[in-house]
Amino acid sequence: MALLELEAARTGLSRTQWTVALIRRRLHERPQLSPSEAIALIGIQRELRRIGVNVNQIARAMNTAVLDGKVLDLEVAQLADFAVEIRAHLGGVHDAFKGNLHYWSDR
């Protein structure tokens, strides 16, 4: 019981929440997020939405800024920067879920 209390506290969950998360993970094979992990994931989703809005704005600008078959270099560079940023965020999300699934799996 003491080890269960310690492990639950370490993850920011109560003993009951930790036990339920373990059971849900085993039954449904999905990540189980602690409150702090859920908040972090919401932040990542918010940032990805923000980037998506910017990408859409750039795409609209590129569609209207075509002059003599050329696209403005600034928009192309910004779009490439956003692609790098999106890949980095998606890599972080992937790593977070991979780590979460590993934590709740057999050790």
N, C-alpha and C. Protein backbone atom coordinates (compact mmCIF):
# COMPACT_ATOMS: atom_id res chain seq x y z
N MET A 1 0.82 -1.18 0.00
CA MET A 1 0.00 0.00 0.00
C MET A 1 0.87 1.25 0.00
N ALA A 2 1.95 1.21 0.75
CA ALA A 2 2.84 2.37 0.83
C ALA A 2 3.46 2.66 -0.53
N LEU A 3 3.87 1.60 -1.24
CA LEU A 3 4.44 1.78 -2.57
C LEU A 3 3.41 2.34 -3.54
N LEU A 4 2.18 1.87 -3.45
CA LEU A 4 1.11 2.38 -4.29
C LEU A 4 0.87 3.87 -4.01
N GLU A 5 0.82 4.23 -2.74
CA GLU A 5 0.64 5.64 -2.35
C GLU A 5 1.77 6.49 -2.92
N LEU A 6 2.99 6.01 -2.80
CA LEU A 6 4.16 6.73 -3.27
C LEU A 6 4.13 6.92 -4.79
N GLU A 7 3.85 5.85 -5.50
CA GLU A 7 3.81 5.92 -6.97
C GLU A 7 2.68 6.83 -7.44
N ALA A 8 1.53 6.72 -6.83
CA ALA A 8 0.40 7.59 -7.19
C ALA A 8 0.75 9.05 -6.95
N ALA A 9 1.33 9.34 -5.83
CA ALA A 9 1.71 10.72 -5.50
C ALA A 9 2.75 11.24 -6.49
N ARG A 10 3.67 10.37 -6.88
CA ARG A 10 4.71 10.76 -7.83
C ARG A 10 4.12 11.19 -9.17
N THR A 11 3.01 10.59 -9.55
CA THR A 11 2.38 10.93 -10.84
C THR A 11 1.31 12.01 -10.69
N GLY A 12 1.07 12.47 -9.48
CA GLY A 12 0.07 13.52 -9.28
C GLY A 12 -1.35 13.00 -9.19
N LEU A 13 -1.48 11.71 -8.90
CA LEU A 13 -2.80 11.10 -8.81
C LEU A 13 -3.02 10.56 -7.40
N SER A 14 -4.29 10.41 -7.07
CA SER A 14 -4.60 9.72 -5.82
C SER A 14 -4.39 8.22 -6.04
N ARG A 15 -4.39 7.47 -4.97
CA ARG A 15 -4.23 6.01 -5.08
C ARG A 15 -5.33 5.42 -5.96
N THR A 16 -6.56 5.87 -5.74
CA THR A 16 -7.69 5.37 -6.52
C THR A 16 -7.56 5.77 -7.99
N GLN A 17 -7.21 7.02 -8.25
CA GLN A 17 -7.04 7.48 -9.63
C GLN A 17 -5.95 6.70 -10.35
N TRP A 18 -4.86 6.44 -9.64
CA TRP A 18 -3.76 5.70 -10.25
C TRP A 18 -4.20 4.28 -10.59
N THR A 19 -4.91 3.65 -9.68
CA THR A 19 -5.38 2.28 -9.91
C THR A 19 -6.36 2.22 -11.07
N VAL A 20 -7.27 3.18 -11.12
CA VAL A 20 -8.24 3.24 -12.22
C VAL A 20 -7.52 3.47 -13.54
N ALA A 21 -6.52 4.34 -13.55
CA ALA A 21 -5.75 4.61 -14.77
C ALA A 21 -5.05 3.35 -15.25
N LEU A 22 -4.49 2.60 -14.33
CA LEU A 22 -3.81 1.35 -14.69
C LEU A 22 -4.80 0.36 -15.32
N ILE A 23 -5.94 0.22 -14.71
CA ILE A 23 -6.96 -0.71 -15.23
C ILE A 23 -7.44 -0.25 -16.60
N ARG A 24 -7.72 1.06 -16.74
CA ARG A 24 -8.18 1.58 -18.03
C ARG A 24 -7.12 1.37 -19.11
N ARG A 25 -5.87 1.59 -18.77
CA ARG A 25 -4.80 1.41 -19.74
C ARG A 25 -4.76 -0.03 -20.23
N ARG A 26 -4.87 -0.96 -19.29
CA ARG A 26 -4.81 -2.38 -19.67
C ARG A 26 -6.04 -2.80 -20.47
N LEU A 27 -7.21 -2.27 -20.13
CA LEU A 27 -8.43 -2.66 -20.82
C LEU A 27 -8.58 -2.00 -22.19
N HIS A 28 -8.21 -0.73 -22.27
CA HIS A 28 -8.48 0.04 -23.49
C HIS A 28 -7.25 0.33 -24.33
N GLU A 29 -6.06 0.04 -23.81
CA GLU A 29 -4.81 0.24 -24.53
C GLU A 29 -4.67 1.67 -25.06
N ARG A 30 -5.05 2.64 -24.22
CA ARG A 30 -4.91 4.05 -24.55
C ARG A 30 -4.11 4.73 -23.46
N PRO A 31 -3.47 5.84 -23.80
CA PRO A 31 -2.73 6.59 -22.76
C PRO A 31 -3.66 7.04 -21.64
N GLN A 32 -3.11 7.11 -20.45
CA GLN A 32 -3.83 7.62 -19.29
C GLN A 32 -3.04 8.82 -18.78
N LEU A 33 -3.65 9.99 -18.84
CA LEU A 33 -2.94 11.22 -18.51
C LEU A 33 -3.26 11.70 -17.11
N SER A 34 -2.22 12.16 -16.43
CA SER A 34 -2.41 12.82 -15.14
C SER A 34 -2.92 14.23 -15.43
N PRO A 35 -3.43 14.94 -14.43
CA PRO A 35 -3.90 16.30 -14.68
C PRO A 35 -2.82 17.20 -15.30
N SER A 36 -1.59 17.10 -14.82
CA SER A 36 -0.53 17.96 -15.39
C SER A 36 -0.22 17.57 -16.83
N GLU A 37 -0.26 16.29 -17.14
CA GLU A 37 -0.04 15.84 -18.52
C GLU A 37 -1.17 16.32 -19.43
N ALA A 38 -2.40 16.25 -18.94
CA ALA A 38 -3.55 16.71 -19.72
C ALA A 38 -3.44 18.20 -20.01
N ILE A 39 -3.04 18.98 -19.02
CA ILE A 39 -2.87 20.43 -19.20
C ILE A 39 -1.79 20.71 -20.24
N ALA A 40 -0.69 19.97 -20.16
CA ALA A 40 0.40 20.15 -21.14
C ALA A 40 -0.08 19.80 -22.54
N LEU A 41 -0.85 18.73 -22.67
CA LEU A 41 -1.37 18.32 -23.97
C LEU A 41 -2.32 19.37 -24.53
N ILE A 42 -3.14 19.97 -23.68
CA ILE A 42 -4.04 21.04 -24.13
C ILE A 42 -3.23 22.21 -24.65
N GLY A 43 -2.14 22.55 -23.97
CA GLY A 43 -1.26 23.63 -24.43
C GLY A 43 -0.65 23.33 -25.79
N ILE A 44 -0.23 22.10 -26.00
CA ILE A 44 0.34 21.71 -27.28
C ILE A 44 -0.71 21.80 -28.37
N GLN A 45 -1.91 21.31 -28.08
CA GLN A 45 -3.00 21.40 -29.07
C GLN A 45 -3.31 22.85 -29.42
N ARG A 46 -3.30 23.73 -28.43
CA ARG A 46 -3.55 25.15 -28.66
C ARG A 46 -2.49 25.74 -29.58
N GLU A 47 -1.22 25.40 -29.32
CA GLU A 47 -0.14 25.91 -30.16
C GLU A 47 -0.23 25.37 -31.59
N LEU A 48 -0.58 24.10 -31.73
CA LEU A 48 -0.71 23.54 -33.07
C LEU A 48 -1.86 24.21 -33.83
N ARG A 49 -2.95 24.53 -33.14
CA ARG A 49 -4.05 25.26 -33.78
C ARG A 49 -3.58 26.65 -34.23
N ARG A 50 -2.81 27.32 -33.36
CA ARG A 50 -2.29 28.65 -33.69
C ARG A 50 -1.42 28.57 -34.94
N ILE A 51 -0.57 27.58 -34.98
CA ILE A 51 0.31 27.41 -36.14
C ILE A 51 -0.53 27.11 -37.38
N GLY A 52 -1.56 26.28 -37.23
CA GLY A 52 -2.44 25.97 -38.36
C GLY A 52 -3.11 27.20 -38.93
N VAL A 53 -3.57 28.10 -38.05
CA VAL A 53 -4.18 29.35 -38.50
C VAL A 53 -3.16 30.16 -39.28
N ASN A 54 -1.94 30.25 -38.77
CA ASN A 54 -0.88 30.99 -39.47
C ASN A 54 -0.57 30.38 -40.82
N VAL A 55 -0.52 29.07 -40.89
CA VAL A 55 -0.24 28.39 -42.15
C VAL A 55 -1.36 28.71 -43.16
N ASN A 56 -2.61 28.70 -42.70
CA ASN A 56 -3.72 29.03 -43.59
C ASN A 56 -3.61 30.47 -44.09
N GLN A 57 -3.22 31.39 -43.22
CA GLN A 57 -3.05 32.79 -43.63
C GLN A 57 -1.94 32.91 -44.67
N ILE A 58 -0.86 32.19 -44.45
CA ILE A 58 0.25 32.23 -45.41
C ILE A 58 -0.19 31.64 -46.75
N ALA A 59 -0.93 30.53 -46.69
CA ALA A 59 -1.40 29.91 -47.93
C ALA A 59 -2.30 30.87 -48.71
N ARG A 60 -3.18 31.58 -48.00
CA ARG A 60 -4.04 32.58 -48.67
C ARG A 60 -3.18 33.68 -49.29
N ALA A 61 -2.19 34.15 -48.53
CA ALA A 61 -1.31 35.20 -49.05
C ALA A 61 -0.54 34.71 -50.27
N MET A 62 -0.11 33.47 -50.24
CA MET A 62 0.63 32.92 -51.37
C MET A 62 -0.27 32.82 -52.60
N ASN A 63 -1.53 32.48 -52.40
CA ASN A 63 -2.45 32.38 -53.53
C ASN A 63 -2.72 33.73 -54.17
N THR A 64 -2.68 34.79 -53.38
CA THR A 64 -2.95 36.13 -53.92
C THR A 64 -1.68 36.87 -54.30
N ALA A 65 -0.52 36.40 -53.88
CA ALA A 65 0.74 37.11 -54.12
C ALA A 65 1.53 36.57 -55.29
N VAL A 66 0.91 35.75 -56.10
CA VAL A 66 1.62 35.19 -57.25
C VAL A 66 1.73 36.27 -58.32
N LEU A 67 2.96 36.63 -58.65
CA LEU A 67 3.22 37.64 -59.68
C LEU A 67 4.13 37.02 -60.73
N ASP A 68 3.66 36.98 -61.93
CA ASP A 68 4.45 36.42 -63.03
C ASP A 68 4.94 35.01 -62.71
N GLY A 69 4.11 34.20 -62.03
CA GLY A 69 4.46 32.82 -61.74
C GLY A 69 5.40 32.65 -60.57
N LYS A 70 5.69 33.72 -59.82
CA LYS A 70 6.60 33.63 -58.67
C LYS A 70 5.82 33.87 -57.39
N VAL A 71 6.23 33.18 -56.34
CA VAL A 71 5.62 33.34 -55.03
C VAL A 71 6.60 34.11 -54.16
N LEU A 72 6.09 34.97 -53.31
CA LEU A 72 6.97 35.78 -52.47
C LEU A 72 7.84 34.89 -51.58
N ASP A 73 9.12 35.18 -51.56
CA ASP A 73 10.09 34.38 -50.80
C ASP A 73 9.80 34.39 -49.31
N LEU A 74 9.31 35.50 -48.78
CA LEU A 74 9.02 35.60 -47.35
C LEU A 74 7.97 34.59 -46.93
N GLU A 75 6.91 34.47 -47.70
CA GLU A 75 5.85 33.53 -47.35
C GLU A 75 6.34 32.08 -47.42
N VAL A 76 7.16 31.81 -48.42
CA VAL A 76 7.70 30.46 -48.55
C VAL A 76 8.59 30.13 -47.35
N ALA A 77 9.42 31.08 -46.95
CA ALA A 77 10.31 30.87 -45.80
C ALA A 77 9.50 30.69 -44.51
N GLN A 78 8.45 31.49 -44.33
CA GLN A 78 7.61 31.35 -43.14
C GLN A 78 6.92 30.00 -43.12
N LEU A 79 6.44 29.58 -44.26
CA LEU A 79 5.77 28.28 -44.34
C LEU A 79 6.74 27.16 -43.99
N ALA A 80 7.97 27.24 -44.45
CA ALA A 80 8.98 26.23 -44.12
C ALA A 80 9.28 26.24 -42.62
N ASP A 81 9.34 27.43 -42.02
CA ASP A 81 9.57 27.53 -40.58
C ASP A 81 8.43 26.90 -39.80
N PHE A 82 7.20 27.15 -40.24
CA PHE A 82 6.04 26.55 -39.56
C PHE A 82 6.05 25.04 -39.69
N ALA A 83 6.46 24.53 -40.84
CA ALA A 83 6.52 23.08 -41.04
C ALA A 83 7.51 22.46 -40.05
N VAL A 84 8.64 23.11 -39.85
CA VAL A 84 9.64 22.61 -38.88
C VAL A 84 9.06 22.64 -37.48
N GLU A 85 8.38 23.74 -37.13
CA GLU A 85 7.79 23.87 -35.80
C GLU A 85 6.70 22.82 -35.56
N ILE A 86 5.89 22.59 -36.57
CA ILE A 86 4.82 21.58 -36.45
C ILE A 86 5.43 20.20 -36.24
N ARG A 87 6.45 19.87 -37.00
CA ARG A 87 7.10 18.56 -36.84
C ARG A 87 7.69 18.40 -35.44
N ALA A 88 8.26 19.47 -34.92
CA ALA A 88 8.83 19.41 -33.57
C ALA A 88 7.74 19.18 -32.53
N HIS A 89 6.62 19.89 -32.65
CA HIS A 89 5.52 19.69 -31.70
C HIS A 89 4.94 18.28 -31.83
N LEU A 90 4.77 17.83 -33.04
CA LEU A 90 4.22 16.48 -33.23
C LEU A 90 5.17 15.42 -32.69
N GLY A 91 6.46 15.65 -32.84
CA GLY A 91 7.45 14.73 -32.25
C GLY A 91 7.33 14.70 -30.74
N GLY A 92 7.12 15.87 -30.14
CA GLY A 92 6.93 15.94 -28.69
C GLY A 92 5.69 15.22 -28.24
N VAL A 93 4.61 15.38 -28.99
CA VAL A 93 3.35 14.67 -28.65
C VAL A 93 3.56 13.16 -28.78
N HIS A 94 4.22 12.75 -29.85
CA HIS A 94 4.51 11.32 -30.05
C HIS A 94 5.33 10.77 -28.89
N ASP A 95 6.37 11.49 -28.52
CA ASP A 95 7.22 11.04 -27.42
C ASP A 95 6.46 10.98 -26.10
N ALA A 96 5.58 11.96 -25.88
CA ALA A 96 4.78 11.98 -24.64
C ALA A 96 3.86 10.77 -24.58
N PHE A 97 3.18 10.47 -25.66
CA PHE A 97 2.29 9.31 -25.67
C PHE A 97 3.06 8.01 -25.56
N LYS A 98 4.19 7.95 -26.23
CA LYS A 98 5.03 6.74 -26.15
C LYS A 98 5.49 6.52 -24.71
N GLY A 99 5.94 7.59 -24.06
CA GLY A 99 6.36 7.49 -22.67
C GLY A 99 5.22 7.11 -21.75
N ASN A 100 4.05 7.67 -22.01
CA ASN A 100 2.88 7.35 -21.19
C ASN A 100 2.50 5.88 -21.35
N LEU A 101 2.46 5.40 -22.57
CA LEU A 101 2.12 4.00 -22.80
C LEU A 101 3.15 3.07 -22.17
N HIS A 102 4.41 3.46 -22.24
CA HIS A 102 5.46 2.66 -21.62
C HIS A 102 5.29 2.61 -20.10
N TYR A 103 4.98 3.76 -19.51
CA TYR A 103 4.81 3.81 -18.05
C TYR A 103 3.73 2.84 -17.58
N TRP A 104 2.61 2.80 -18.26
CA TRP A 104 1.49 1.99 -17.82
C TRP A 104 1.59 0.53 -18.29
N SER A 105 2.59 0.21 -19.10
CA SER A 105 2.76 -1.17 -19.58
C SER A 105 3.49 -2.00 -18.54
N ASP A 106 3.54 -3.30 -18.79
CA ASP A 106 4.32 -4.18 -17.92
C ASP A 106 5.76 -3.73 -17.90
N ARG A 107 6.36 -3.73 -16.72
CA ARG A 107 7.76 -3.33 -16.62
C ARG A 107 8.61 -4.51 -16.24
